[in-house]
Full PDB file with SEQRES, HELIX, SHEET, SSBOND, CRYST1, ORIGX, SCALE, CONECT and MASTER records, all heavy atoms in Angstrom:
SEQRES   1 A   36  ALA LEU ASP LEU GLY TYR GLU SER PRO SER ALA PHE SER          
SEQRES   2 A   36  ALA MET PHE ARG ARG THR LEU GLY VAL PRO PRO SER PHE          
SEQRES   3 A   36  TYR VAL GLY THR ASP PRO ALA HIS GLY ALA                      
HELIX    1 AA1 PRO A    9  LEU A   20  1                                  12    
HELIX    2 AA2 PRO A   24  TYR A   27  5                                   4    
CRYST1    1.000    1.000    1.000  90.00  90.00  90.00 P 1           1          
ORIGX1      1.000000  0.000000  0.000000        0.00000                         
ORIGX2      0.000000  1.000000  0.000000        0.00000                         
ORIGX3      0.000000  0.000000  1.000000        0.00000                         
SCALE1      1.000000  0.000000  0.000000        0.00000                         
SCALE2      0.000000  1.000000  0.000000        0.00000                         
SCALE3      0.000000  0.000000  1.000000        0.00000                         
ATOM      1  N   ALA A   1     -13.573   0.056 -20.497  1.00  0.00           N  
ATOM      2  CA  ALA A   1     -14.884   0.272 -19.861  1.00  0.00           C  
ATOM      3  C   ALA A   1     -15.027  -0.597 -18.622  1.00  0.00           C  
ATOM      4  O   ALA A   1     -15.449  -0.124 -17.555  1.00  0.00           O  
ATOM      5  CB  ALA A   1     -16.005  -0.033 -20.869  1.00  0.00           C  
ATOM      6  N   LEU A   2     -14.665  -1.869 -18.738  1.00  0.00           N  
ATOM      7  CA  LEU A   2     -14.811  -2.772 -17.592  1.00  0.00           C  
ATOM      8  C   LEU A   2     -13.823  -2.438 -16.476  1.00  0.00           C  
ATOM      9  O   LEU A   2     -14.161  -2.499 -15.296  1.00  0.00           O  
ATOM     10  CB  LEU A   2     -14.652  -4.222 -18.047  1.00  0.00           C  
ATOM     11  CG  LEU A   2     -15.718  -4.727 -19.035  1.00  0.00           C  
ATOM     12  CD1 LEU A   2     -15.439  -6.158 -19.430  1.00  0.00           C  
ATOM     13  CD2 LEU A   2     -17.118  -4.579 -18.462  1.00  0.00           C  
ATOM     14  N   ASP A   3     -12.598  -2.094 -16.845  1.00  0.00           N  
ATOM     15  CA  ASP A   3     -11.578  -1.743 -15.844  1.00  0.00           C  
ATOM     16  C   ASP A   3     -11.981  -0.531 -15.027  1.00  0.00           C  
ATOM     17  O   ASP A   3     -11.602  -0.402 -13.849  1.00  0.00           O  
ATOM     18  CB  ASP A   3     -10.227  -1.496 -16.525  1.00  0.00           C  
ATOM     19  CG  ASP A   3      -9.546  -2.759 -16.985  1.00  0.00           C  
ATOM     20  OD1 ASP A   3      -9.975  -3.856 -16.553  1.00  0.00           O  
ATOM     21  OD2 ASP A   3      -8.602  -2.673 -17.775  1.00  0.00           O  
ATOM     22  N   LEU A   4     -12.747   0.361 -15.637  1.00  0.00           N  
ATOM     23  CA  LEU A   4     -13.130   1.603 -14.966  1.00  0.00           C  
ATOM     24  C   LEU A   4     -14.497   1.527 -14.315  1.00  0.00           C  
ATOM     25  O   LEU A   4     -15.010   2.530 -13.843  1.00  0.00           O  
ATOM     26  CB  LEU A   4     -13.057   2.773 -15.945  1.00  0.00           C  
ATOM     27  CG  LEU A   4     -11.653   3.125 -16.450  1.00  0.00           C  
ATOM     28  CD1 LEU A   4     -11.709   4.273 -17.442  1.00  0.00           C  
ATOM     29  CD2 LEU A   4     -10.728   3.481 -15.279  1.00  0.00           C  
ATOM     30  N   GLY A   5     -15.079   0.339 -14.305  1.00  0.00           N  
ATOM     31  CA  GLY A   5     -16.303   0.141 -13.544  1.00  0.00           C  
ATOM     32  C   GLY A   5     -17.595   0.431 -14.259  1.00  0.00           C  
ATOM     33  O   GLY A   5     -18.646   0.497 -13.614  1.00  0.00           O  
ATOM     34  N   TYR A   6     -17.556   0.617 -15.576  1.00  0.00           N  
ATOM     35  CA  TYR A   6     -18.793   0.846 -16.306  1.00  0.00           C  
ATOM     36  C   TYR A   6     -19.492  -0.476 -16.548  1.00  0.00           C  
ATOM     37  O   TYR A   6     -18.857  -1.509 -16.782  1.00  0.00           O  
ATOM     38  CB  TYR A   6     -18.498   1.555 -17.632  1.00  0.00           C  
ATOM     39  CG  TYR A   6     -18.168   3.024 -17.440  1.00  0.00           C  
ATOM     40  CD1 TYR A   6     -16.852   3.411 -17.181  1.00  0.00           C  
ATOM     41  CD2 TYR A   6     -19.152   3.988 -17.448  1.00  0.00           C  
ATOM     42  CE1 TYR A   6     -16.534   4.749 -16.967  1.00  0.00           C  
ATOM     43  CE2 TYR A   6     -18.841   5.338 -17.242  1.00  0.00           C  
ATOM     44  CZ  TYR A   6     -17.547   5.698 -16.994  1.00  0.00           C  
ATOM     45  OH  TYR A   6     -17.231   7.025 -16.781  1.00  0.00           O  
ATOM     46  N   GLU A   7     -20.834  -0.451 -16.505  1.00  0.00           N  
ATOM     47  CA  GLU A   7     -21.606  -1.674 -16.657  1.00  0.00           C  
ATOM     48  C   GLU A   7     -21.543  -2.241 -18.061  1.00  0.00           C  
ATOM     49  O   GLU A   7     -21.695  -3.441 -18.258  1.00  0.00           O  
ATOM     50  CB  GLU A   7     -23.065  -1.422 -16.276  1.00  0.00           C  
ATOM     51  CG  GLU A   7     -23.248  -1.079 -14.790  1.00  0.00           C  
ATOM     52  CD  GLU A   7     -24.716  -0.862 -14.444  1.00  0.00           C  
ATOM     53  OE1 GLU A   7     -25.556  -0.926 -15.377  1.00  0.00           O  
ATOM     54  OE2 GLU A   7     -25.017  -0.646 -13.272  1.00  0.00           O  
ATOM     55  N   SER A   8     -21.283  -1.385 -19.036  1.00  0.00           N  
ATOM     56  CA  SER A   8     -21.232  -1.829 -20.421  1.00  0.00           C  
ATOM     57  C   SER A   8     -20.368  -0.873 -21.234  1.00  0.00           C  
ATOM     58  O   SER A   8     -20.213   0.303 -20.871  1.00  0.00           O  
ATOM     59  CB  SER A   8     -22.629  -1.908 -21.031  1.00  0.00           C  
ATOM     60  OG  SER A   8     -23.173  -0.598 -21.151  1.00  0.00           O  
ATOM     61  N   PRO A   9     -19.816  -1.339 -22.354  1.00  0.00           N  
ATOM     62  CA  PRO A   9     -19.064  -0.443 -23.228  1.00  0.00           C  
ATOM     63  C   PRO A   9     -19.925   0.703 -23.761  1.00  0.00           C  
ATOM     64  O   PRO A   9     -19.423   1.805 -23.971  1.00  0.00           O  
ATOM     65  CB  PRO A   9     -18.608  -1.366 -24.372  1.00  0.00           C  
ATOM     66  CG  PRO A   9     -18.630  -2.735 -23.791  1.00  0.00           C  
ATOM     67  CD  PRO A   9     -19.764  -2.734 -22.813  1.00  0.00           C  
ATOM     68  N   SER A  10     -21.245   0.456 -23.951  1.00  0.00           N  
ATOM     69  CA  SER A  10     -22.098   1.504 -24.471  1.00  0.00           C  
ATOM     70  C   SER A  10     -22.265   2.644 -23.466  1.00  0.00           C  
ATOM     71  O   SER A  10     -22.299   3.831 -23.837  1.00  0.00           O  
ATOM     72  CB  SER A  10     -23.461   0.928 -24.842  1.00  0.00           C  
ATOM     73  OG  SER A  10     -24.111   0.348 -23.725  1.00  0.00           O  
ATOM     74  N   ALA A  11     -22.357   2.311 -22.174  1.00  0.00           N  
ATOM     75  CA  ALA A  11     -22.452   3.350 -21.147  1.00  0.00           C  
ATOM     76  C   ALA A  11     -21.177   4.168 -21.103  1.00  0.00           C  
ATOM     77  O   ALA A  11     -21.203   5.402 -20.981  1.00  0.00           O  
ATOM     78  CB  ALA A  11     -22.730   2.722 -19.792  1.00  0.00           C  
ATOM     79  N   PHE A  12     -20.023   3.500 -21.190  1.00  0.00           N  
ATOM     80  CA  PHE A  12     -18.747   4.183 -21.209  1.00  0.00           C  
ATOM     81  C   PHE A  12     -18.634   5.066 -22.458  1.00  0.00           C  
ATOM     82  O   PHE A  12     -18.228   6.232 -22.374  1.00  0.00           O  
ATOM     83  CB  PHE A  12     -17.616   3.162 -21.164  1.00  0.00           C  
ATOM     84  CG  PHE A  12     -16.260   3.718 -21.479  1.00  0.00           C  
ATOM     85  CD1 PHE A  12     -15.643   4.636 -20.647  1.00  0.00           C  
ATOM     86  CD2 PHE A  12     -15.591   3.338 -22.651  1.00  0.00           C  
ATOM     87  CE1 PHE A  12     -14.391   5.159 -20.936  1.00  0.00           C  
ATOM     88  CE2 PHE A  12     -14.342   3.851 -22.949  1.00  0.00           C  
ATOM     89  CZ  PHE A  12     -13.736   4.750 -22.092  1.00  0.00           C  
ATOM     90  N   SER A  13     -19.010   4.528 -23.607  1.00  0.00           N  
ATOM     91  CA  SER A  13     -18.909   5.285 -24.859  1.00  0.00           C  
ATOM     92  C   SER A  13     -19.791   6.515 -24.845  1.00  0.00           C  
ATOM     93  O   SER A  13     -19.423   7.568 -25.381  1.00  0.00           O  
ATOM     94  CB  SER A  13     -19.266   4.383 -26.042  1.00  0.00           C  
ATOM     95  OG  SER A  13     -18.349   3.319 -26.181  1.00  0.00           O  
ATOM     96  N   ALA A  14     -20.977   6.387 -24.234  1.00  0.00           N  
ATOM     97  CA  ALA A  14     -21.876   7.535 -24.159  1.00  0.00           C  
ATOM     98  C   ALA A  14     -21.262   8.657 -23.344  1.00  0.00           C  
ATOM     99  O   ALA A  14     -21.318   9.830 -23.729  1.00  0.00           O  
ATOM    100  CB  ALA A  14     -23.210   7.099 -23.566  1.00  0.00           C  
ATOM    101  N   MET A  15     -20.673   8.307 -22.174  1.00  0.00           N  
ATOM    102  CA  MET A  15     -19.999   9.300 -21.342  1.00  0.00           C  
ATOM    103  C   MET A  15     -18.852   9.946 -22.109  1.00  0.00           C  
ATOM    104  O   MET A  15     -18.672  11.162 -22.123  1.00  0.00           O  
ATOM    105  CB  MET A  15     -19.481   8.660 -20.059  1.00  0.00           C  
ATOM    106  CG  MET A  15     -18.720   9.586 -19.126  1.00  0.00           C  
ATOM    107  SD  MET A  15     -16.980   9.950 -19.590  1.00  0.00           S  
ATOM    108  CE  MET A  15     -16.246   8.288 -19.523  1.00  0.00           C  
ATOM    109  N   PHE A  16     -18.075   9.124 -22.786  1.00  0.00           N  
ATOM    110  CA  PHE A  16     -16.891   9.602 -23.503  1.00  0.00           C  
ATOM    111  C   PHE A  16     -17.274  10.561 -24.624  1.00  0.00           C  
ATOM    112  O   PHE A  16     -16.730  11.647 -24.754  1.00  0.00           O  
ATOM    113  CB  PHE A  16     -16.138   8.382 -24.077  1.00  0.00           C  
ATOM    114  CG  PHE A  16     -14.721   8.657 -24.457  1.00  0.00           C  
ATOM    115  CD1 PHE A  16     -13.680   8.341 -23.606  1.00  0.00           C  
ATOM    116  CD2 PHE A  16     -14.420   9.238 -25.686  1.00  0.00           C  
ATOM    117  CE1 PHE A  16     -12.367   8.577 -23.963  1.00  0.00           C  
ATOM    118  CE2 PHE A  16     -13.120   9.483 -26.056  1.00  0.00           C  
ATOM    119  CZ  PHE A  16     -12.076   9.153 -25.193  1.00  0.00           C  
ATOM    120  N   ARG A  17     -18.270  10.141 -25.419  1.00  0.00           N  
ATOM    121  CA  ARG A  17     -18.710  10.990 -26.531  1.00  0.00           C  
ATOM    122  C   ARG A  17     -19.334  12.291 -26.030  1.00  0.00           C  
ATOM    123  O   ARG A  17     -19.140  13.349 -26.610  1.00  0.00           O  
ATOM    124  CB  ARG A  17     -19.700  10.225 -27.406  1.00  0.00           C  
ATOM    125  CG  ARG A  17     -20.141  10.998 -28.644  1.00  0.00           C  
ATOM    126  CD  ARG A  17     -21.260  10.256 -29.375  1.00  0.00           C  
ATOM    127  NE  ARG A  17     -20.767   9.073 -30.045  1.00  0.00           N  
ATOM    128  CZ  ARG A  17     -20.259   9.070 -31.287  1.00  0.00           C  
ATOM    129  NH1 ARG A  17     -20.160  10.221 -31.957  1.00  0.00           N  
ATOM    130  NH2 ARG A  17     -19.852   7.971 -31.849  1.00  0.00           N  
ATOM    131  N   ARG A  18     -20.103  12.195 -24.929  1.00  0.00           N  
ATOM    132  CA  ARG A  18     -20.728  13.393 -24.373  1.00  0.00           C  
ATOM    133  C   ARG A  18     -19.689  14.417 -23.929  1.00  0.00           C  
ATOM    134  O   ARG A  18     -19.897  15.622 -24.037  1.00  0.00           O  
ATOM    135  CB  ARG A  18     -21.612  12.994 -23.200  1.00  0.00           C  
ATOM    136  CG  ARG A  18     -22.428  14.129 -22.615  1.00  0.00           C  
ATOM    137  CD  ARG A  18     -23.445  13.622 -21.615  1.00  0.00           C  
ATOM    138  NE  ARG A  18     -22.841  12.928 -20.481  1.00  0.00           N  
ATOM    139  CZ  ARG A  18     -22.894  11.623 -20.259  1.00  0.00           C  
ATOM    140  NH1 ARG A  18     -23.531  10.831 -21.107  1.00  0.00           N  
ATOM    141  NH2 ARG A  18     -22.316  11.076 -19.203  1.00  0.00           N  
ATOM    142  N   THR A  19     -18.551  13.925 -23.445  1.00  0.00           N  
ATOM    143  CA  THR A  19     -17.532  14.822 -22.891  1.00  0.00           C  
ATOM    144  C   THR A  19     -16.548  15.302 -23.961  1.00  0.00           C  
ATOM    145  O   THR A  19     -16.209  16.479 -24.008  1.00  0.00           O  
ATOM    146  CB  THR A  19     -16.737  14.109 -21.776  1.00  0.00           C  
ATOM    147  OG1 THR A  19     -17.651  13.594 -20.823  1.00  0.00           O  
ATOM    148  CG2 THR A  19     -15.785  15.074 -21.101  1.00  0.00           C  
ATOM    149  N   LEU A  20     -16.103  14.386 -24.825  1.00  0.00           N  
ATOM    150  CA  LEU A  20     -15.070  14.716 -25.793  1.00  0.00           C  
ATOM    151  C   LEU A  20     -15.580  14.911 -27.210  1.00  0.00           C  
ATOM    152  O   LEU A  20     -14.837  15.347 -28.083  1.00  0.00           O  
ATOM    153  CB  LEU A  20     -13.972  13.645 -25.789  1.00  0.00           C  
ATOM    154  CG  LEU A  20     -13.048  13.642 -24.578  1.00  0.00           C  
ATOM    155  CD1 LEU A  20     -12.058  12.488 -24.671  1.00  0.00           C  
ATOM    156  CD2 LEU A  20     -12.293  14.954 -24.448  1.00  0.00           C  
ATOM    157  N   GLY A  21     -16.832  14.558 -27.451  1.00  0.00           N  
ATOM    158  CA  GLY A  21     -17.393  14.796 -28.773  1.00  0.00           C  
ATOM    159  C   GLY A  21     -17.064  13.732 -29.799  1.00  0.00           C  
ATOM    160  O   GLY A  21     -17.489  13.840 -30.966  1.00  0.00           O  
ATOM    161  N   VAL A  22     -16.300  12.708 -29.429  1.00  0.00           N  
ATOM    162  CA  VAL A  22     -15.948  11.613 -30.328  1.00  0.00           C  
ATOM    163  C   VAL A  22     -16.043  10.307 -29.546  1.00  0.00           C  
ATOM    164  O   VAL A  22     -15.947  10.306 -28.310  1.00  0.00           O  
ATOM    165  CB  VAL A  22     -14.521  11.761 -30.890  1.00  0.00           C  
ATOM    166  CG1 VAL A  22     -14.434  12.960 -31.822  1.00  0.00           C  
ATOM    167  CG2 VAL A  22     -13.483  11.881 -29.764  1.00  0.00           C  
ATOM    168  N   PRO A  23     -16.208   9.161 -30.210  1.00  0.00           N  
ATOM    169  CA  PRO A  23     -16.256   7.895 -29.502  1.00  0.00           C  
ATOM    170  C   PRO A  23     -14.875   7.496 -29.012  1.00  0.00           C  
ATOM    171  O   PRO A  23     -13.867   7.947 -29.559  1.00  0.00           O  
ATOM    172  CB  PRO A  23     -16.771   6.908 -30.560  1.00  0.00           C  
ATOM    173  CG  PRO A  23     -16.328   7.516 -31.856  1.00  0.00           C  
ATOM    174  CD  PRO A  23     -16.437   8.996 -31.673  1.00  0.00           C  
ATOM    175  N   PRO A  24     -14.790   6.634 -27.982  1.00  0.00           N  
ATOM    176  CA  PRO A  24     -13.483   6.225 -27.470  1.00  0.00           C  
ATOM    177  C   PRO A  24     -12.640   5.491 -28.508  1.00  0.00           C  
ATOM    178  O   PRO A  24     -11.397   5.552 -28.447  1.00  0.00           O  
ATOM    179  CB  PRO A  24     -13.820   5.316 -26.285  1.00  0.00           C  
ATOM    180  CG  PRO A  24     -15.253   4.957 -26.461  1.00  0.00           C  
ATOM    181  CD  PRO A  24     -15.903   6.084 -27.191  1.00  0.00           C  
ATOM    182  N   SER A  25     -13.269   4.815 -29.471  1.00  0.00           N  
ATOM    183  CA  SER A  25     -12.508   4.118 -30.502  1.00  0.00           C  
ATOM    184  C   SER A  25     -11.620   5.060 -31.305  1.00  0.00           C  
ATOM    185  O   SER A  25     -10.610   4.666 -31.895  1.00  0.00           O  
ATOM    186  CB  SER A  25     -13.462   3.381 -31.444  1.00  0.00           C  
ATOM    187  OG  SER A  25     -14.383   4.295 -32.029  1.00  0.00           O  
ATOM    188  N   PHE A  26     -11.973   6.358 -31.282  1.00  0.00           N  
ATOM    189  CA  PHE A  26     -11.187   7.381 -31.975  1.00  0.00           C  
ATOM    190  C   PHE A  26      -9.769   7.447 -31.458  1.00  0.00           C  
ATOM    191  O   PHE A  26      -8.850   7.848 -32.152  1.00  0.00           O  
ATOM    192  CB  PHE A  26     -11.890   8.722 -31.807  1.00  0.00           C  
ATOM    193  CG  PHE A  26     -11.286   9.867 -32.577  1.00  0.00           C  
ATOM    194  CD1 PHE A  26     -11.536  10.007 -33.929  1.00  0.00           C  
ATOM    195  CD2 PHE A  26     -10.523  10.822 -31.939  1.00  0.00           C  
ATOM    196  CE1 PHE A  26     -11.001  11.079 -34.640  1.00  0.00           C  
ATOM    197  CE2 PHE A  26      -9.982  11.876 -32.635  1.00  0.00           C  
ATOM    198  CZ  PHE A  26     -10.231  12.017 -33.998  1.00  0.00           C  
ATOM    199  N   TYR A  27      -9.583   7.078 -30.182  1.00  0.00           N  
ATOM    200  CA  TYR A  27      -8.288   7.247 -29.530  1.00  0.00           C  
ATOM    201  C   TYR A  27      -7.514   5.941 -29.355  1.00  0.00           C  
ATOM    202  O   TYR A  27      -6.443   5.927 -28.740  1.00  0.00           O  
ATOM    203  CB  TYR A  27      -8.459   7.890 -28.157  1.00  0.00           C  
ATOM    204  CG  TYR A  27      -8.781   9.381 -28.239  1.00  0.00           C  
ATOM    205  CD1 TYR A  27     -10.025   9.858 -27.864  1.00  0.00           C  
ATOM    206  CD2 TYR A  27      -7.825  10.283 -28.699  1.00  0.00           C  
ATOM    207  CE1 TYR A  27     -10.316  11.210 -27.939  1.00  0.00           C  
ATOM    208  CE2 TYR A  27      -8.108  11.620 -28.784  1.00  0.00           C  
ATOM    209  CZ  TYR A  27      -9.346  12.085 -28.406  1.00  0.00           C  
ATOM    210  OH  TYR A  27      -9.638  13.440 -28.491  1.00  0.00           O  
ATOM    211  N   VAL A  28      -8.028   4.812 -29.838  1.00  0.00           N  
ATOM    212  CA  VAL A  28      -7.344   3.531 -29.600  1.00  0.00           C  
ATOM    213  C   VAL A  28      -6.119   3.445 -30.471  1.00  0.00           C  
ATOM    214  O   VAL A  28      -6.192   3.119 -31.656  1.00  0.00           O  
ATOM    215  CB  VAL A  28      -8.276   2.337 -29.893  1.00  0.00           C  
ATOM    216  CG1 VAL A  28      -7.533   1.037 -29.668  1.00  0.00           C  
ATOM    217  CG2 VAL A  28      -9.493   2.397 -28.988  1.00  0.00           C  
ATOM    218  N   GLY A  29      -4.963   3.755 -29.891  1.00  0.00           N  
ATOM    219  CA  GLY A  29      -3.679   3.606 -30.563  1.00  0.00           C  
ATOM    220  C   GLY A  29      -3.589   4.311 -31.894  1.00  0.00           C  
ATOM    221  O   GLY A  29      -2.890   3.852 -32.781  1.00  0.00           O  
ATOM    222  N   THR A  30      -4.305   5.445 -32.038  1.00  0.00           N  
ATOM    223  CA  THR A  30      -4.328   6.120 -33.323  1.00  0.00           C  
ATOM    224  C   THR A  30      -3.625   7.458 -33.265  1.00  0.00           C  
ATOM    225  O   THR A  30      -3.244   7.951 -32.208  1.00  0.00           O  
ATOM    226  CB  THR A  30      -5.786   6.367 -33.780  1.00  0.00           C  
ATOM    227  OG1 THR A  30      -6.449   7.211 -32.838  1.00  0.00           O  
ATOM    228  CG2 THR A  30      -6.539   5.064 -33.908  1.00  0.00           C  
ATOM    229  N   ASP A  31      -3.477   8.059 -34.432  1.00  0.00           N  
ATOM    230  CA  ASP A  31      -2.890   9.398 -34.569  1.00  0.00           C  
ATOM    231  C   ASP A  31      -3.937  10.257 -35.257  1.00  0.00           C  
ATOM    232  O   ASP A  31      -3.845  10.538 -36.443  1.00  0.00           O  
ATOM    233  CB  ASP A  31      -1.617   9.307 -35.413  1.00  0.00           C  
ATOM    234  CG  ASP A  31      -0.918  10.655 -35.578  1.00  0.00           C  
ATOM    235  OD1 ASP A  31      -1.372  11.626 -34.959  1.00  0.00           O  
ATOM    236  OD2 ASP A  31       0.055  10.726 -36.326  1.00  0.00           O  
ATOM    237  N   PRO A  32      -5.011  10.657 -34.551  1.00  0.00           N  
ATOM    238  CA  PRO A  32      -6.110  11.352 -35.183  1.00  0.00           C  
ATOM    239  C   PRO A  32      -5.706  12.700 -35.749  1.00  0.00           C  
ATOM    240  O   PRO A  32      -4.858  13.393 -35.204  1.00  0.00           O  
ATOM    241  CB  PRO A  32      -7.134  11.507 -34.040  1.00  0.00           C  
ATOM    242  CG  PRO A  32      -6.334  11.441 -32.805  1.00  0.00           C  
ATOM    243  CD  PRO A  32      -5.185  10.545 -33.085  1.00  0.00           C  
ATOM    244  N   ALA A  33      -6.344  13.062 -36.833  1.00  0.00           N  
ATOM    245  CA  ALA A  33      -6.105  14.389 -37.425  1.00  0.00           C  
ATOM    246  C   ALA A  33      -6.699  15.457 -36.542  1.00  0.00           C  
ATOM    247  O   ALA A  33      -7.719  15.277 -35.913  1.00  0.00           O  
ATOM    248  CB  ALA A  33      -6.748  14.438 -38.827  1.00  0.00           C  
ATOM    249  N   HIS A  34      -6.054  16.604 -36.522  1.00  0.00           N  
ATOM    250  CA  HIS A  34      -6.516  17.685 -35.651  1.00  0.00           C  
ATOM    251  C   HIS A  34      -7.935  18.119 -35.989  1.00  0.00           C  
ATOM    252  O   HIS A  34      -8.729  18.475 -35.135  1.00  0.00           O  
ATOM    253  CB  HIS A  34      -5.581  18.891 -35.754  1.00  0.00           C  
ATOM    254  CG  HIS A  34      -6.019  20.044 -34.917  1.00  0.00           C  
ATOM    255  ND1 HIS A  34      -5.900  20.065 -33.556  1.00  0.00           N  
ATOM    256  CD2 HIS A  34      -6.640  21.201 -35.246  1.00  0.00           C  
ATOM    257  CE1 HIS A  34      -6.379  21.195 -33.079  1.00  0.00           C  
ATOM    258  NE2 HIS A  34      -6.834  21.901 -34.095  1.00  0.00           N  
ATOM    259  N   GLY A  35      -8.267  18.042 -37.273  1.00  0.00           N  
ATOM    260  CA  GLY A  35      -9.570  18.518 -37.692  1.00  0.00           C  
ATOM    261  C   GLY A  35     -10.725  17.760 -37.086  1.00  0.00           C  
ATOM    262  O   GLY A  35     -11.850  18.257 -37.049  1.00  0.00           O  
ATOM    263  N   ALA A  36     -10.474  16.554 -36.557  1.00  0.00           N  
ATOM    264  CA  ALA A  36     -11.559  15.764 -35.969  1.00  0.00           C  
ATOM    265  C   ALA A  36     -11.750  16.044 -34.494  1.00  0.00           C  
ATOM    266  O   ALA A  36     -12.657  15.520 -33.873  1.00  0.00           O  
ATOM    267  CB  ALA A  36     -11.285  14.276 -36.185  1.00  0.00           C  
TER     268      ALA A  36                                                      
MASTER        0    0    0    2    0    0    0    6  267    1    0    3          
END                                                                             
C-alpha cells in the first residue's frame, strides 16, 4: 500500500476488494482455492 502511494492500508484494501472481490491479504504468498 505504501509503495504504491496509498495513504493507508485501508484505502488500498478498499480499492483492491472493490476491484477483485477479495481483500489483498488473500493473495499474500498463498495458493487460493479457485472457488474463492
